[in-house]
Structure formats: structure tokens, C-alpha cells
Protein backbone atom coordinates (compact mmCIF):
# COMPACT_ATOMS: atom_id res chain seq x y z
CA MET A 1 -0.05 0.05 0.03
CA ALA A 2 1.36 3.40 -0.94
CA HIS A 3 1.96 5.82 1.94
CA MET A 4 0.39 9.27 1.26
CA GLN A 5 1.15 12.37 3.17
CA LYS A 6 -1.57 13.25 5.68
CA VAL A 7 -3.11 16.62 5.18
CA SER A 8 -5.26 16.90 8.28
CA ASP A 9 -3.14 19.76 9.65
CA THR A 10 -3.34 21.71 6.39
CA PRO A 11 0.28 22.75 6.73
CA ASP A 12 1.44 26.24 5.80
CA HIS A 13 4.54 25.64 3.67
CA HIS A 14 5.83 29.15 4.37
CA MET A 15 6.36 28.16 7.98
CA PRO A 16 9.66 26.61 9.13
CA ARG A 17 9.79 22.89 8.42
CA VAL A 18 10.28 20.26 11.13
CA LEU A 19 10.44 16.53 10.58
CA ILE A 20 9.35 14.35 13.53
CA VAL A 21 10.31 10.67 14.00
CA CYS A 22 8.40 9.08 16.89
CA GLY A 23 7.41 5.69 18.32
CA PRO A 24 8.03 3.44 21.29
CA THR A 25 11.35 2.85 22.99
CA ALA A 26 13.72 0.43 21.19
CA SER A 27 11.92 0.91 17.91
CA GLY A 28 14.98 2.23 15.96
CA LYS A 29 13.93 5.92 15.93
CA THR A 30 17.48 7.29 16.11
CA ASN A 31 18.91 5.15 13.32
CA LEU A 32 16.04 6.11 11.04
CA ALA A 33 16.30 9.80 12.06
CA VAL A 34 20.03 9.84 11.30
CA SER A 35 19.38 8.29 7.91
CA LEU A 36 16.76 10.83 7.10
CA ALA A 37 18.93 13.74 8.29
CA LYS A 38 21.71 12.58 6.01
CA ARG A 39 19.31 12.41 3.06
CA PHE A 40 17.66 15.76 3.71
CA ASP A 41 20.45 17.80 5.29
CA GLY A 42 19.18 17.78 8.80
CA GLU A 43 20.20 17.69 12.44
CA LEU A 44 18.61 15.74 15.24
CA VAL A 45 16.81 17.26 18.27
CA SER A 46 16.22 14.60 20.95
CA ALA A 47 12.80 14.39 22.55
CA ASP A 48 13.73 11.76 25.12
CA SER A 49 12.95 12.34 28.77
CA ARG A 50 15.83 10.17 29.88
CA GLN A 51 18.71 11.01 27.48
CA ILE A 52 18.40 14.66 28.47
CA TYR A 53 20.41 13.75 31.56
CA LYS A 54 24.23 13.74 31.78
CA TYR A 55 26.19 10.71 32.99
CA VAL A 56 23.57 8.15 31.96
CA ASP A 57 24.80 7.20 28.47
CA VAL A 58 24.56 3.38 28.82
CA ILE A 59 21.42 3.00 30.80
CA THR A 60 19.44 5.33 28.58
CA GLY A 61 20.85 3.95 25.29
CA LYS A 62 22.40 7.11 23.79
CA ASP A 63 24.39 4.80 21.51
CA LEU A 64 27.13 7.37 21.14
CA PRO A 65 30.38 6.49 19.35
CA LEU A 66 33.33 5.53 21.56
CA GLN A 67 35.20 8.60 22.87
CA SER A 68 32.33 10.82 21.70
CA ARG A 69 32.94 14.38 22.67
CA ALA A 70 30.32 17.02 23.12
CA SER A 71 30.58 20.27 21.15
CA VAL A 72 29.39 23.31 23.07
CA ARG A 73 26.87 25.25 21.01
CA GLN A 74 25.27 27.90 23.23
CA THR A 75 24.51 28.82 26.85
CA LEU A 76 21.03 30.01 27.77
CA LYS A 77 19.41 31.33 30.97
CA TYR A 78 16.06 29.99 32.03
CA ARG A 79 14.46 31.39 35.23
CA ASP A 80 17.84 32.47 36.59
CA LYS A 81 19.64 29.25 35.84
CA GLU A 82 22.12 28.67 33.06
CA TYR A 83 21.95 25.66 30.73
CA THR A 84 24.53 24.73 28.09
CA LEU A 85 23.36 23.11 24.88
CA VAL A 86 25.88 20.74 23.32
CA THR A 87 25.77 18.39 20.36
CA HIS A 88 27.12 14.93 19.94
CA THR A 89 27.73 13.45 16.53
CA ILE A 90 26.28 10.14 15.37
CA ASP A 91 27.38 9.06 11.93
CA THR A 92 28.30 12.70 10.94
CA ILE A 93 24.92 14.04 12.15
CA PRO A 94 24.78 16.45 15.13
CA VAL A 95 22.33 15.51 17.92
CA TRP A 96 20.98 18.17 20.20
CA MET A 97 19.33 17.89 23.69
CA TYR A 98 21.54 15.19 25.09
CA ASP A 99 23.36 15.98 28.38
CA VAL A 100 21.40 19.12 29.19
CA MET A 101 21.23 18.68 32.98
CA THR A 102 22.45 16.51 35.86
CA PRO A 103 20.34 13.69 37.20
CA ASP A 104 19.59 15.49 40.48
CA GLU A 105 17.56 18.07 38.48
CA GLN A 106 13.97 17.93 37.18
CA CYS A 107 13.20 18.86 33.54
CA SER A 108 9.88 20.56 33.20
CA ILE A 109 8.05 20.58 29.94
CA SER A 110 8.42 24.32 29.77
CA LEU A 111 12.20 24.08 30.20
CA TYR A 112 12.51 21.38 27.57
CA ARG A 113 10.47 23.52 25.14
CA PHE A 114 12.63 26.60 25.78
CA LEU A 115 15.89 24.70 25.19
CA ALA A 116 14.64 22.63 22.26
CA ASN A 117 13.29 25.75 20.47
CA ALA A 118 16.74 27.37 20.86
CA ALA A 119 18.26 24.27 19.21
CA ILE A 120 15.72 24.39 16.41
CA SER A 121 16.31 28.08 15.79
CA ASP A 122 20.04 27.37 15.54
CA ILE A 123 19.48 24.60 13.06
CA LEU A 124 17.08 26.65 10.90
CA SER A 125 19.38 29.61 10.92
CA ARG A 126 21.90 27.46 8.96
CA GLY A 127 19.34 26.30 6.45
CA LYS A 128 19.17 22.84 7.76
CA LEU A 129 16.17 20.60 8.62
CA PRO A 130 15.41 20.04 12.34
CA VAL A 131 14.56 16.33 12.86
CA ILE A 132 12.86 15.84 16.25
CA VAL A 133 13.32 12.28 17.36
CA GLY A 134 12.05 10.62 20.46
CA GLY A 135 9.32 8.83 22.40
CA ALA A 136 8.26 11.52 24.83
CA GLY A 137 5.01 12.74 23.39
CA LEU A 138 4.71 15.57 25.84
CA TYR A 139 8.18 16.84 24.82
CA ILE A 140 7.27 16.74 21.14
CA ASP A 141 3.91 18.47 21.65
CA SER A 142 5.58 21.16 23.77
CA ILE A 143 7.37 22.24 20.61
CA VAL A 144 4.75 21.84 17.93
CA HIS A 145 1.47 22.08 19.79
CA PRO A 146 2.06 23.42 23.33
CA PRO A 147 -0.80 24.09 25.74
CA GLU A 148 -1.30 27.77 26.32
CA THR A 149 -0.38 27.43 29.99
CA ILE A 150 2.96 25.66 29.49
CA ASP A 151 5.08 28.59 30.47
CA ILE A 152 3.21 29.59 33.58
CA PRO A 153 5.61 28.76 36.39
CA PRO A 154 4.66 26.80 39.50
CA ASP A 155 4.28 28.70 42.79
CA LEU A 156 6.54 26.45 44.92
CA LYS A 157 6.10 28.43 48.11
CA ALA A 158 2.37 28.46 47.87
CA ARG A 159 2.40 24.76 46.99
CA GLU A 160 3.84 23.91 50.42
CA TYR A 161 0.78 25.38 52.05
CA ARG A 162 -1.74 24.18 49.49
CA ASN A 163 -0.46 20.59 49.78
CA THR A 164 -1.91 20.62 53.30
CA LEU A 165 -5.39 21.55 52.14
CA THR A 166 -8.30 19.24 51.33
CA ALA A 167 -9.81 18.99 47.86
CA GLU A 168 -12.83 20.87 49.18
CA ALA A 169 -10.75 23.73 50.37
CA LEU A 170 -8.83 23.94 47.10
CA GLN A 171 -12.09 23.88 45.19
CA ALA A 172 -13.29 26.87 47.24
CA ASP A 173 -10.04 28.79 46.48
CA LEU A 174 -10.38 28.08 42.79
CA ALA A 175 -14.00 29.03 42.77
CA SER A 176 -13.07 32.42 44.21
CA LEU A 177 -10.42 32.98 41.52
CA ASP A 178 -11.94 31.41 38.40
CA PRO A 179 -15.35 29.75 38.87
CA GLU A 180 -15.50 28.97 35.17
CA ARG A 181 -12.34 26.94 35.25
CA LEU A 182 -13.66 24.99 38.22
CA ALA A 183 -16.96 24.37 36.44
CA MET A 184 -15.12 22.97 33.40
CA MET A 185 -13.15 20.44 35.39
CA ASN A 186 -14.47 16.87 35.43
CA ILE A 187 -15.25 15.03 38.69
CA SER A 188 -11.87 13.27 38.80
CA ASP A 189 -9.88 16.49 38.34
CA ARG A 190 -12.09 18.37 40.84
CA ASN A 191 -11.08 15.73 43.47
CA ASN A 192 -7.40 15.67 42.50
CA PRO A 193 -5.44 18.04 44.72
CA ARG A 194 -2.45 18.25 42.36
CA ARG A 195 -4.60 19.36 39.42
CA LEU A 196 -6.60 21.78 41.60
CA ILE A 197 -3.35 23.39 42.82
CA ARG A 198 -2.12 23.76 39.22
CA ALA A 199 -5.50 25.26 38.15
CA ILE A 200 -5.20 27.82 41.02
CA GLU A 201 -1.66 28.72 39.90
CA ILE A 202 -2.87 29.30 36.34
CA ALA A 203 -5.83 31.37 37.47
CA GLN A 204 -3.66 33.55 39.65
CA TRP A 205 -1.03 34.06 36.91
CA GLN A 206 -3.64 35.01 34.43
CA ALA A 207 -5.23 37.51 36.86
CA GLU A 208 -1.83 39.07 37.58
CA HIS A 209 -0.75 39.21 33.85
CA ASP A 210 -4.10 40.28 32.43
CA SER A 211 -4.48 36.77 30.83
CA ILE A 212 -1.59 37.45 28.36
CA LEU A 213 -0.14 34.12 27.36
CA PRO A 214 2.84 33.44 25.05
CA THR A 215 1.95 32.41 21.56
CA ALA A 216 3.22 29.12 20.17
CA ARG A 217 5.61 29.13 17.23
CA GLY A 218 4.19 27.66 14.07
CA PHE A 219 5.89 24.80 12.18
CA ASP A 220 5.09 22.86 9.03
CA CYS A 221 5.57 19.35 10.43
CA PHE A 222 5.66 15.85 8.89
CA TRP A 223 5.30 12.99 11.45
CA VAL A 224 6.87 9.61 10.90
CA GLY A 225 5.81 6.90 13.33
CA ILE A 226 7.52 3.50 13.63
CA LYS A 227 5.15 0.57 14.28
CA TRP A 228 6.34 -2.75 15.76
CA PRO A 229 4.50 -5.95 16.71
CA ILE A 230 4.64 -5.97 20.54
CA ASP A 231 6.19 -9.49 20.80
CA ALA A 232 9.02 -8.52 18.49
CA LEU A 233 9.51 -5.18 20.26
CA SER A 234 9.53 -6.97 23.62
CA ALA A 235 12.28 -9.37 22.42
CA ARG A 236 14.27 -6.35 21.16
CA ILE A 237 13.91 -4.65 24.56
CA ARG A 238 15.14 -7.72 26.41
CA ALA A 239 18.18 -7.98 24.14
CA ARG A 240 18.90 -4.30 24.67
CA VAL A 241 18.67 -4.59 28.48
CA ASN A 242 21.04 -7.56 28.40
CA GLU A 243 23.53 -5.66 26.21
CA ARG A 244 23.41 -2.56 28.43
CA TRP A 245 23.78 -4.65 31.61
CA GLY A 246 27.08 -5.96 30.32
CA SER A 247 28.32 -2.68 28.80
CA GLY A 248 28.62 -0.42 31.82
CA ALA A 249 25.18 0.14 33.19
CA ILE A 250 26.14 -1.20 36.63
CA ASP A 251 29.17 1.11 36.91
CA GLU A 252 27.07 4.05 35.69
CA VAL A 253 24.56 3.56 38.49
CA LYS A 254 27.37 3.12 41.03
CA ARG A 255 28.86 6.52 39.97
CA LEU A 256 25.42 8.18 40.25
CA LYS A 257 24.84 6.75 43.65
CA ALA A 258 28.23 8.13 44.81
CA LEU A 259 27.65 11.55 43.22
CA TYR A 260 24.16 12.43 44.26
CA LYS A 261 22.08 12.06 47.44
CA VAL A 262 18.80 12.96 45.77
CA LEU A 263 18.02 11.88 42.16
CA PRO A 264 14.81 13.22 40.74
CA GLY A 265 16.10 11.81 37.47
CA ALA A 266 15.93 8.37 39.05
CA GLU A 267 12.73 7.71 37.11
CA ILE A 268 15.22 6.67 34.46
CA LEU A 269 14.19 3.13 33.69
CA GLY A 270 16.71 0.57 34.89
CA PHE A 271 18.02 2.69 37.72
CA ILE A 272 15.84 1.25 40.56
CA PRO A 273 16.36 -2.47 39.59
CA ILE A 274 20.12 -1.96 39.38
CA MET A 275 20.12 -0.13 42.74
CA GLN A 276 18.20 -3.10 44.23
CA PHE A 277 20.73 -5.51 42.76
CA LEU A 278 23.66 -3.50 44.12
CA ASP A 279 21.97 -3.45 47.55
CA LYS A 280 21.49 -7.28 47.31
CA GLN A 281 17.69 -6.94 47.55
CA VAL A 282 17.24 -8.94 44.30
CA THR A 283 19.28 -11.30 42.14
CA GLU A 284 20.80 -10.27 38.80
CA ALA A 285 18.06 -12.22 36.90
CA GLU A 286 15.32 -10.54 38.91
CA ALA A 287 16.82 -7.09 38.37
CA LYS A 288 17.09 -7.68 34.59
CA ASP A 289 13.51 -8.95 34.42
CA ALA A 290 12.25 -5.94 36.34
CA TRP A 291 14.13 -3.62 34.04
CA VAL A 292 12.74 -5.40 30.92
CA ASN A 293 9.19 -5.33 32.28
CA ASP A 294 9.47 -1.57 33.09
CA GLU A 295 10.73 -0.88 29.52
CA ILE A 296 7.92 -2.92 27.94
CA ALA A 297 5.26 -1.23 30.05
CA TYR A 298 6.79 2.16 29.03
CA ALA A 299 6.68 1.15 25.34
CA LYS A 300 3.00 0.19 25.70
CA ARG A 301 2.19 3.56 27.21
CA GLN A 302 3.99 5.32 24.45
CA MET A 303 2.09 3.36 21.79
CA VAL A 304 -1.18 4.28 23.43
CA TRP A 305 -0.18 7.92 23.44
CA PHE A 306 0.94 8.03 19.83
CA LYS A 307 -1.88 5.86 18.48
CA LYS A 308 -4.37 8.62 19.25
CA ASP A 309 -2.39 11.20 17.25
CA LYS A 310 -3.93 11.57 13.80
CA ARG A 311 -0.97 13.69 12.56
CA ILE A 312 1.29 10.63 12.37
CA GLU A 313 2.02 8.68 9.23
CA TRP A 314 2.71 5.13 10.44
CA PHE A 315 5.26 2.79 8.90
CA ASP A 316 5.43 -0.94 9.74
CA ILE A 317 8.87 -2.23 10.58
CA THR A 318 7.90 -5.66 9.18
CA ASP A 319 7.33 -4.24 5.70
CA LYS A 320 10.35 -5.12 3.56
CA ASN A 321 9.96 -1.77 1.82
CA TYR A 322 9.86 0.12 5.12
CA PRO A 323 13.01 2.36 4.66
CA GLU A 324 12.08 3.22 1.08
CA ASN A 325 8.48 4.02 1.98
CA VAL A 326 9.61 6.38 4.72
CA GLU A 327 12.09 8.20 2.50
CA LYS A 328 9.59 8.55 -0.31
CA SER A 329 6.95 10.06 1.97
CA VAL A 330 9.38 12.47 3.54
CA ALA A 331 10.73 13.44 0.09
CA ARG A 332 7.14 14.17 -1.08
CA TRP A 333 6.58 16.47 1.82
CA HIS A 334 10.11 17.97 1.50
CA ASN A 335 9.69 18.68 -2.23
CA ILE A 336 6.29 20.40 -1.64
CA ASN A 337 8.10 22.78 0.62
CA HIS A 338 10.66 23.56 -2.13
CA ALA A 339 8.12 23.91 -4.96
């Protein structure tokens, strides 16, 4: 079956072009994105919630060449903190958004968007094609379709107090600030303190800033999705875990444990099972199985997320013409932009 470009978004071909390669973990996104970047003169922008951290190359599967060295590209300030954007090179192609922060930091969606947009602007300024590649749907959407409230900062001091309040008390606070917002929330959200607190923060920010919100930057996007049978993907995940286990993942976690007392980045899959193995709470086989199961569960969540997205053109990895089909569809979109 021929793969035709989707036109549901009615793209404006005068807007900057961005190619997106998405799909579940272990699906081969980076290799495909590198191949497409070589064909269409692009550079990669990682949309991976784990590879954004420094010092976790093996456990997160950055697949960098041996002795890979980062090239410093620019330093940016975000809410009074400086971040340095670097690029690594995979098969001659620069990759942005690796190694942005240390594993004791949290990366908000707003921060990711700010830094990734800086990388994209740099790539576009040199006449090259940004290729966003990753499995973090929220990260990708923060660039191409961000919610209007994405850049409203949390009120951390007020959160300490609000975290002590009941859902009923929070509802009353929100009702006094923005009764329409409260009325629009479903029953689940109205009884969820975390979501009520965030709604209060948004209502307060809008009141203080006269409801002025930043506008999203527009892009002409083409979405490539990689589809795998779950059994084949699960087997691939197990092989990758076994390979990483024997290629330095244990030593990587040991170093992290020695460097940091608190690790918000510890949601990195594989970290907890390896820690449990090092603490002799589980056997090596049990730790590997737990890591594999966590990765498979993550892949399934990613597939559920992306399956709902009608912008994505899906390509089946089991199709013998898979690489050619992808390249032809991207070329069709790319050529439209140059017509």
C-alpha cells in the first residue's frame, strides 16, 4: 500500500519545516532519524525524557560512538539558571538535547520547550532541517502544539501550604479565583489536589498578567511513526537490556549513587532495579527482568499515546520496503516545501 502524506493539519509551507520521528522505546527511531537527516540535510533534536540527563549514556541507550565528545553550542538562561546546549555526533549528524542537565535536576516541559526551540532556531538559521526524534510525546507536543499554560511557572512556596489543604478547600479557592475553570473540570480533576493546585496557579497568573499568554511558534511538520509488533519489540527490549547490563550500566549507576544524594532523574528506567541489585535486595536475573518489564510497560504507554495522534504517518517495521516508503513520503513532503 502506498503511503500518502496526511493533510489533516493543512500545513502552511511558508512556515519553518520540522520533521518528527516518533514511536516506542527500542523501535529504531534514532537510526532512522540519522538516515533521514543525512538524506535531507538535517540535524537531530532529541525528545527523550531520559537522554536529556548527563552521565547516563549506557542505561538510557544514547548509543554514542566511543570517545564521543560534546561540542558546546550555546549557553542560555532559564528562570535565573544557566543551561549549556551541546551536540554529539552520530554518523556525521549532530544530535541536540543530550546531556542538558544533571540527574539531580527535574526537567519541566516548559524548560524542555525553551531549550529545544533554541536548538531548532540554531538549526534553521543554517538552512538545515530540524529532525525531532524521540518517544516523549509531551516533549514533542511542547514544541509543535504546546498548551497555552505551558510557560506559567509553578508557585513552589504556595504549593507547600496548598499541599496541606483538602480537595474541598482547594475547590473553594479556585472558585473564588476562576469559577468557570472549576466548572469545566471533570469530577476526577475536581477531586485531584495536584490538578486543583495547578489550576489555582494558572488562574492567579492570568489575573496578575491580564491573561496574556505566550503564543506558540508555528511549524510545518511531517510526522513519521514506527510501528512494531509488541512481541518482536519486547524481544528487542530484552536484548537491549542484556547488552546494556554488560556494557557499563552497573558502573554508571554506582557513579550516580556516589555523586548524588537525591536523584529526581531516578525515574530513568533501569536505575531502581540496578540499585536493588547492588543493595543485594534482588538477584541479577530478577533485576534484569524488572528492568525489561518496566521498559515494555513504558513502550506500551508510548504506543497508546501516539496511536491517538492523527498527525502521524505510520510505517510498519515488518514491511520489507519500510525504509524506502519512509524516505519517499518524507521526500514528497520535503519537495512540496521547495516547490
